[in-house]
Amino acid sequence: MAKSSKTIDVAHSYAVRLMQHLVVPTFVIDPKRRVVIWNRACERLTGVAASEVIGTTKHWQAFYETKRPCLADLVALDRPEQLPEFYSEYAARGHNGLGFSAENWCVMPKLGSQLYLAIDAGPIHDEAGNLIAVVETLRDLTDQKRAEMALKELATKDGLTGLSNRRSFDQMLLTEWARAQRTQKPMALLFVDVDHFKLFNDQHGHQTGDECLRAVANVVSRHAVRPLDLASRYGGEEFALILPDMNCDDACAIAEEIRCAVMASRIAHGAMGAGDHVTLSVGVASHIPGEDDGGPDRLLGAADQALYAAKRLGRNRVICAERMLAEFAGLGRDSVPVPGPTARKSA
C-alpha cells in the first residue's frame, strides 16, 4: 500500500497495522484533512485504492460526484451546524472528543451504484488536547435501507393502482394544509370519480373493472408532476389529487385535462344507462387557509360537494366549488340542494 512522505510517523506501528486489517471500512485524516490511512476494507467498499487518496484531501471522490465534506471533515473542522446540510440522518455526540454519527446515500462513483452508509467519525487528541487525527468508520446498510423503503412503500401505496393510499393522502393533506396556512398560498384538491362504475363491473366483471381503475389511476398520476403533488386512491372508484400552491382556475384546467385524457382512452363501457365509453366526474376546490380554519375539513367538504354537483348535473364534467351554484343556475337547476359529503356515493 503506497505511503506518502507526509504520512504520520506511526504508519508502521502495531495500531496502524491493526487498523489496516480491520474488517470495518476505515480511513483516517490528519488535522489538515489529508488521508493518512485508507484500509483494505475501505478499498473494497469504495473501489478506490489507498494509493489514490493517501496524502491527499480527495477522499470525498470515493463517495460523491461533486466536492463536499465527508463526516470526518466536519469533525476536523468542528462544524456540527453543517450536519443537516449534508446528511439525512445525523447526531452530534458532543464537543469533548465524541465526534459525529450520520447516515446517507452515497453515489460511489467508482462502483457505479449508490450505497446507503452509516458513518461514525471521531477525533483523536494528544495529551495536550490538540487534534492529531480523525477516524471515520463506515457500515453498508443498503440492503436494510431498501427493505425499509419497500415496507414503507407497501404501507403507503394502494395495492391495485400503485397510487398513494388513503392513509398517505390523509397525512399529506394535513402536512400541506399546515404549510398553506404558513405561506398563505392556495391549496387545491380534486376528487375524481369514475361514472357508473357499478354498472361497469356488472357489465364487464371485476377483473376488467380493476383494469379500468388502473388505467384511470395512470391518467391521474401523470398530472401529479410537481414534487409536492400527490395522486391517491381515495376509495373504491374515487381518486384524489392534492395540488399545493394552486388556485381554482389552474386546478380546473388540470381536472379537465384528466377528464379528456380518460375520454381519449376510449375504455369501453356500454352498460345500459351509461355511455359507450368510461367518463369521469371531477369536483375541484381551492382555498387559502385562514387563522380560523382548524383542519382541512372545509376544503374536503367543498371538493366533495363539487363532485356531487358534477354527478347531479349529468356526469362527465368538471365542477369547481367556487362556481357550483352558478353552474346549477345556468342549467335552471339552482333549486337543487347540494348536500353534505355523505350524500353522493352513487356511482
Protein backbone atom coordinates (compact mmCIF):
# COMPACT_ATOMS: atom_id res chain seq x y z
CA MET A 1 0.00 0.00 0.00
CA ALA A 2 1.54 3.29 -1.11
CA LYS A 3 2.74 5.67 1.56
CA SER A 4 3.15 9.43 1.12
CA SER A 5 6.23 11.15 2.51
CA LYS A 6 3.82 13.13 4.65
CA THR A 7 2.34 10.01 6.23
CA ILE A 8 2.49 10.23 10.01
CA ASP A 9 5.46 8.63 11.73
CA VAL A 10 3.45 5.84 13.27
CA ALA A 11 2.49 4.42 9.86
CA HIS A 12 4.19 1.10 10.67
CA SER A 13 3.06 0.85 14.25
CA TYR A 14 1.05 -2.05 15.56
CA ALA A 15 -2.11 0.10 15.90
CA VAL A 16 -1.94 1.23 12.30
CA ARG A 17 -1.29 -2.30 11.00
CA LEU A 18 -4.27 -3.48 13.02
CA MET A 19 -6.44 -0.75 11.51
CA GLN A 20 -5.32 -1.74 8.02
CA HIS A 21 -6.64 -5.25 8.56
CA LEU A 22 -9.90 -4.35 10.27
CA VAL A 23 -12.97 -5.80 8.58
CA VAL A 24 -14.69 -2.45 9.20
CA PRO A 25 -14.08 0.06 6.37
CA THR A 26 -11.99 2.81 7.98
CA PHE A 27 -9.98 5.83 6.96
CA VAL A 28 -8.07 8.44 8.93
CA ILE A 29 -7.34 12.09 8.12
CA ASP A 30 -4.87 14.47 9.75
CA PRO A 31 -5.73 17.99 11.04
CA LYS A 32 -5.21 19.37 7.52
CA ARG A 33 -7.77 16.77 6.35
CA ARG A 34 -5.25 14.75 4.34
CA VAL A 35 -5.77 10.99 4.26
CA VAL A 36 -3.16 9.09 6.27
CA ILE A 37 -4.83 5.68 6.44
CA TRP A 38 -7.27 4.06 3.97
CA ASN A 39 -7.67 0.46 4.99
CA ARG A 40 -8.30 -2.58 2.80
CA ALA A 41 -11.95 -2.85 3.81
CA CYS A 42 -12.39 0.77 2.73
CA GLU A 43 -10.80 -0.10 -0.62
CA ARG A 44 -13.27 -2.95 -1.07
CA LEU A 45 -16.26 -0.83 -0.05
CA THR A 46 -15.45 2.15 -2.30
CA GLY A 47 -13.49 0.62 -5.16
CA VAL A 48 -10.86 3.31 -4.53
CA ALA A 49 -7.28 2.19 -3.88
CA ALA A 50 -5.36 3.66 -0.97
CA SER A 51 -2.69 4.88 -3.40
CA GLU A 52 -5.28 7.19 -4.99
CA VAL A 53 -6.09 9.08 -1.80
CA ILE A 54 -3.21 8.74 0.71
CA GLY A 55 -1.63 12.15 1.30
CA THR A 56 -4.49 13.99 -0.46
CA THR A 57 -7.79 15.62 0.53
CA LYS A 58 -9.63 13.81 -2.27
CA HIS A 59 -11.35 11.19 -0.11
CA TRP A 60 -14.73 12.76 -0.96
CA GLN A 61 -14.32 11.44 -4.52
CA ALA A 62 -14.85 7.91 -3.25
CA PHE A 63 -18.38 8.77 -2.15
CA TYR A 64 -19.68 11.74 -4.16
CA GLU A 65 -19.54 13.16 -7.69
CA THR A 66 -19.24 16.79 -6.61
CA LYS A 67 -16.94 18.13 -3.92
CA ARG A 68 -18.39 18.23 -0.42
CA PRO A 69 -17.14 17.44 3.09
CA CYS A 70 -17.21 13.93 4.48
CA LEU A 71 -18.20 13.40 8.10
CA ALA A 72 -14.55 13.26 9.19
CA ASP A 73 -14.03 16.70 7.66
CA LEU A 74 -16.87 18.16 9.72
CA VAL A 75 -15.32 16.66 12.85
CA ALA A 76 -11.89 18.07 11.97
CA LEU A 77 -13.46 21.49 11.34
CA ASP A 78 -15.75 21.16 14.40
CA ARG A 79 -18.81 22.08 12.31
CA PRO A 80 -21.82 20.29 13.85
CA GLU A 81 -24.11 23.01 12.49
CA GLN A 82 -23.40 21.74 8.95
CA LEU A 83 -24.61 18.20 9.64
CA PRO A 84 -28.21 18.81 8.47
CA GLU A 85 -26.91 20.40 5.28
CA PHE A 86 -25.13 17.24 4.18
CA TYR A 87 -26.80 14.28 5.92
CA SER A 88 -30.37 12.98 6.05
CA GLU A 89 -29.82 11.38 9.47
CA TYR A 90 -27.23 12.67 11.90
CA ALA A 91 -26.20 13.13 15.52
CA ALA A 92 -23.50 15.25 17.14
CA ARG A 93 -22.20 13.38 20.14
CA GLY A 94 -20.70 16.45 21.81
CA HIS A 95 -17.61 18.61 21.57
CA ASN A 96 -15.48 16.65 24.04
CA GLY A 97 -13.87 14.22 21.67
CA LEU A 98 -17.01 12.23 20.92
CA GLY A 99 -17.46 13.08 17.25
CA PHE A 100 -20.49 12.74 14.94
CA SER A 101 -22.69 9.97 13.56
CA ALA A 102 -24.67 10.12 10.32
CA GLU A 103 -26.43 8.11 7.63
CA ASN A 104 -26.57 9.00 3.98
CA TRP A 105 -26.99 7.77 0.40
CA CYS A 106 -23.59 7.92 -1.32
CA VAL A 107 -23.26 7.74 -5.11
CA MET A 108 -19.96 5.77 -5.04
CA PRO A 109 -18.60 6.93 -8.44
CA LYS A 110 -16.09 4.07 -8.77
CA LEU A 111 -18.75 1.44 -8.18
CA GLY A 112 -21.39 2.99 -10.41
CA SER A 113 -24.07 2.34 -7.81
CA GLN A 114 -25.47 4.03 -4.71
CA LEU A 115 -24.86 2.74 -1.19
CA TYR A 116 -26.61 3.76 1.99
CA LEU A 117 -23.86 4.14 4.57
CA ALA A 118 -23.91 4.53 8.34
CA ILE A 119 -20.93 6.68 9.27
CA ASP A 120 -19.12 7.37 12.54
CA ALA A 121 -16.31 9.89 12.85
CA GLY A 122 -14.37 10.72 15.98
CA PRO A 123 -11.35 12.87 16.77
CA ILE A 124 -8.06 11.74 18.30
CA HIS A 125 -6.26 14.26 20.52
CA ASP A 126 -2.80 14.28 22.04
CA GLU A 127 -2.17 14.69 25.76
CA ALA A 128 -2.29 18.48 25.36
CA GLY A 129 -5.73 18.29 23.77
CA ASN A 130 -4.54 19.09 20.25
CA LEU A 131 -6.25 17.32 17.35
CA ILE A 132 -3.89 14.88 15.70
CA ALA A 133 -6.32 12.81 13.56
CA VAL A 134 -9.94 11.96 12.81
CA VAL A 135 -11.05 8.35 12.32
CA GLU A 136 -14.08 7.59 10.13
CA THR A 137 -15.70 4.15 10.02
CA LEU A 138 -18.38 3.04 7.57
CA ARG A 139 -21.11 0.42 7.54
CA ASP A 140 -23.04 -0.60 4.43
CA LEU A 141 -26.76 -0.55 5.31
CA THR A 142 -28.00 -0.57 1.71
CA ASP A 143 -29.93 -3.86 1.92
CA GLN A 144 -31.59 -2.89 5.19
CA LYS A 145 -32.49 0.58 3.87
CA ARG A 146 -34.00 -0.79 0.69
CA ALA A 147 -36.03 -3.30 2.67
CA GLU A 148 -37.21 -0.50 4.96
CA MET A 149 -38.18 1.63 1.94
CA ALA A 150 -40.04 -1.30 0.39
CA LEU A 151 -42.03 -1.85 3.60
CA LYS A 152 -42.79 1.86 3.81
CA GLU A 153 -43.99 1.85 0.22
CA LEU A 154 -46.25 -1.11 0.94
CA ALA A 155 -47.72 0.81 3.86
CA THR A 156 -48.40 3.94 1.81
CA LYS A 157 -49.34 2.56 -1.62
CA ASP A 158 -52.64 1.24 -2.89
CA GLY A 159 -52.12 -2.37 -3.91
CA LEU A 160 -54.32 -2.25 -7.01
CA THR A 161 -53.32 1.04 -8.64
CA GLY A 162 -49.90 1.83 -7.19
CA LEU A 163 -51.08 5.31 -6.19
CA SER A 164 -50.76 6.57 -2.64
CA ASN A 165 -53.39 5.06 -0.37
CA ARG A 166 -55.96 6.80 1.82
CA ARG A 167 -53.66 6.85 4.84
CA SER A 168 -50.91 8.54 2.87
CA PHE A 169 -53.44 11.01 1.44
CA ASP A 170 -54.68 11.96 4.92
CA GLN A 171 -51.13 12.56 6.15
CA MET A 172 -50.13 14.66 3.13
CA LEU A 173 -53.36 16.68 3.30
CA LEU A 174 -52.62 17.70 6.89
CA THR A 175 -48.99 18.49 6.08
CA GLU A 176 -49.79 20.63 3.04
CA TRP A 177 -52.69 22.34 4.81
CA ALA A 178 -50.33 23.41 7.59
CA ARG A 179 -47.82 24.65 5.04
CA ALA A 180 -50.52 26.62 3.19
CA GLN A 181 -51.51 28.25 6.49
CA ARG A 182 -47.91 29.39 6.96
CA THR A 183 -47.33 30.58 3.39
CA GLN A 184 -50.86 31.90 2.81
CA LYS A 185 -50.93 30.34 -0.65
CA PRO A 186 -53.92 28.47 -2.09
CA MET A 187 -54.18 24.71 -1.88
CA ALA A 188 -56.28 22.80 -4.41
CA LEU A 189 -57.96 19.43 -4.11
CA LEU A 190 -59.53 17.31 -6.86
CA PHE A 191 -61.96 14.46 -6.27
CA VAL A 192 -62.15 12.26 -9.38
CA ASP A 193 -64.90 9.64 -9.66
CA VAL A 194 -65.46 7.03 -12.38
CA ASP A 195 -69.02 7.44 -13.67
CA HIS A 196 -71.40 4.46 -13.43
CA PHE A 197 -68.65 2.19 -12.14
CA LYS A 198 -71.04 -0.28 -10.50
CA LEU A 199 -72.74 -0.71 -13.87
CA PHE A 200 -69.29 -1.18 -15.45
CA ASN A 201 -68.47 -4.01 -13.04
CA ASP A 202 -71.86 -5.60 -13.61
CA GLN A 203 -71.34 -5.42 -17.38
CA HIS A 204 -67.68 -6.41 -17.68
CA GLY A 205 -66.76 -8.17 -14.43
CA HIS A 206 -64.50 -7.20 -11.57
CA GLN A 207 -61.22 -8.14 -13.29
CA THR A 208 -61.94 -5.74 -16.13
CA GLY A 209 -63.12 -3.26 -13.52
CA ASP A 210 -59.69 -3.45 -11.88
CA GLU A 211 -58.05 -2.85 -15.27
CA CYS A 212 -60.27 0.20 -15.72
CA LEU A 213 -59.26 1.60 -12.32
CA ARG A 214 -55.58 1.07 -13.11
CA ALA A 215 -55.98 2.92 -16.42
CA VAL A 216 -57.71 5.86 -14.72
CA ALA A 217 -55.08 5.87 -11.96
CA ASN A 218 -52.35 6.10 -14.59
CA VAL A 219 -54.00 9.18 -16.08
CA VAL A 220 -54.45 10.83 -12.68
CA SER A 221 -50.85 10.11 -11.65
CA ARG A 222 -49.48 11.69 -14.84
CA HIS A 223 -50.92 15.00 -13.65
CA ALA A 224 -49.13 14.92 -10.28
CA VAL A 225 -45.95 16.31 -11.80
CA ARG A 226 -44.53 18.63 -9.12
CA PRO A 227 -42.62 17.30 -6.10
CA LEU A 228 -45.42 18.01 -3.60
CA ASP A 229 -48.36 16.96 -5.81
CA LEU A 230 -49.98 13.75 -4.57
CA ALA A 231 -52.24 11.39 -6.53
CA SER A 232 -54.07 8.84 -4.41
CA ARG A 233 -56.83 6.29 -4.50
CA TYR A 234 -59.35 7.76 -2.08
CA GLY A 235 -61.56 4.70 -2.03
CA GLY A 236 -63.37 2.39 -4.45
CA GLU A 237 -63.61 4.11 -7.83
CA GLU A 238 -62.70 7.53 -6.42
CA PHE A 239 -59.31 9.22 -6.70
CA ALA A 240 -57.93 12.39 -5.15
CA LEU A 241 -55.24 14.80 -6.25
CA ILE A 242 -53.60 17.27 -3.85
CA LEU A 243 -52.18 20.30 -5.67
CA PRO A 244 -50.35 22.71 -3.34
CA ASP A 245 -49.86 26.36 -4.32
CA MET A 246 -52.61 26.26 -6.94
CA ASN A 247 -55.74 28.35 -7.46
CA CYS A 248 -59.10 27.04 -8.59
CA ASP A 249 -58.76 28.05 -12.26
CA ASP A 250 -55.45 26.23 -12.70
CA ALA A 251 -56.75 23.21 -10.78
CA CYS A 252 -59.86 23.12 -13.00
CA ALA A 253 -57.64 23.15 -16.08
CA ILE A 254 -55.79 20.08 -14.77
CA ALA A 255 -59.10 18.40 -13.91
CA GLU A 256 -60.32 19.00 -17.46
CA GLU A 257 -57.10 17.51 -18.85
CA ILE A 258 -57.66 14.39 -16.75
CA ARG A 259 -61.29 14.09 -17.83
CA CYS A 260 -60.40 14.50 -21.52
CA ALA A 261 -57.47 12.06 -21.28
CA VAL A 262 -59.74 9.31 -19.94
CA MET A 263 -62.28 10.01 -22.69
CA ALA A 264 -59.45 9.80 -25.24
CA SER A 265 -58.53 6.38 -23.81
CA ARG A 266 -61.93 5.14 -25.06
CA ILE A 267 -62.34 2.50 -22.37
CA ALA A 268 -65.47 0.62 -23.46
CA HIS A 269 -68.43 0.91 -21.07
CA GLY A 270 -71.73 0.29 -22.87
CA ALA A 271 -73.87 -0.62 -19.86
CA MET A 272 -77.49 0.47 -20.02
CA GLY A 273 -77.77 3.97 -18.55
CA ALA A 274 -74.11 4.75 -19.23
CA GLY A 275 -72.35 5.96 -22.36
CA ASP A 276 -70.28 3.97 -24.81
CA HIS A 277 -67.05 4.81 -23.00
CA VAL A 278 -65.87 5.39 -19.45
CA THR A 279 -66.10 9.01 -18.28
CA LEU A 280 -65.16 10.93 -15.14
CA SER A 281 -66.83 13.44 -12.88
CA VAL A 282 -64.45 15.78 -11.08
CA GLY A 283 -65.02 18.10 -8.14
CA VAL A 284 -62.46 20.87 -7.59
CA ALA A 285 -61.87 23.16 -4.62
CA SER A 286 -59.10 25.57 -3.73
CA HIS A 287 -58.68 27.51 -0.52
CA ILE A 288 -56.18 29.70 1.34
CA PRO A 289 -56.39 28.54 4.96
CA GLY A 290 -57.21 31.34 7.37
CA GLU A 291 -56.43 31.65 11.04
CA ASP A 292 -59.92 30.44 11.91
CA ASP A 293 -59.59 27.32 9.75
CA GLY A 294 -58.60 24.47 12.00
CA GLY A 295 -58.07 21.49 9.71
CA PRO A 296 -58.74 20.87 6.02
CA ASP A 297 -62.39 19.84 6.51
CA ARG A 298 -63.62 22.91 4.65
CA LEU A 299 -61.50 22.04 1.61
CA LEU A 300 -62.59 18.39 1.72
CA GLY A 301 -66.23 19.35 2.03
CA ALA A 302 -66.06 21.84 -0.84
CA ALA A 303 -64.41 19.37 -3.23
CA ASP A 304 -66.86 16.68 -2.13
CA GLN A 305 -69.89 18.89 -2.80
CA ALA A 306 -68.46 19.94 -6.16
CA LEU A 307 -68.14 16.27 -7.13
CA TYR A 308 -71.73 15.64 -6.07
CA ALA A 309 -72.82 18.59 -8.19
CA ALA A 310 -70.88 17.25 -11.21
CA LYS A 311 -72.76 13.97 -10.92
CA ARG A 312 -76.14 15.64 -10.32
CA LEU A 313 -75.66 17.86 -13.36
CA GLY A 314 -75.19 14.87 -15.68
CA ARG A 315 -71.71 13.46 -15.00
CA ASN A 316 -68.71 13.62 -17.37
CA ARG A 317 -67.82 17.14 -16.28
CA VAL A 318 -65.64 19.25 -14.00
CA ILE A 319 -67.30 21.42 -11.37
CA CYS A 320 -65.43 23.96 -9.27
CA ALA A 321 -66.76 24.59 -5.77
CA GLU A 322 -66.42 28.35 -6.24
CA ARG A 323 -68.72 28.28 -9.27
CA MET A 324 -71.02 25.46 -8.22
CA LEU A 325 -74.18 27.48 -7.63
CA ALA A 326 -73.65 29.35 -10.87
CA GLU A 327 -73.47 26.03 -12.72
CA PHE A 328 -76.79 24.94 -11.24
CA ALA A 329 -78.38 28.29 -12.05
CA GLY A 330 -77.06 28.22 -15.60
CA LEU A 331 -78.81 24.92 -16.20
CA GLY A 332 -82.01 26.01 -14.50
CA ARG A 333 -81.27 23.71 -11.59
CA ASP A 334 -80.50 26.26 -8.89
CA SER A 335 -83.27 24.83 -6.74
CA VAL A 336 -81.41 21.52 -6.45
CA PRO A 337 -79.99 21.25 -2.91
CA VAL A 338 -76.30 20.50 -2.51
CA PRO A 339 -75.99 18.10 0.41
CA GLY A 340 -73.02 17.32 2.60
CA PRO A 341 -70.16 14.91 1.96
CA THR A 342 -72.04 11.73 2.86
CA ALA A 343 -74.81 12.15 0.30
CA ARG A 344 -73.11 11.44 -3.04
CA LYS A 345 -71.94 7.86 -3.02
CA SER A 346 -73.99 6.75 -6.02
CA ALA A 347 -71.61 5.98 -8.86
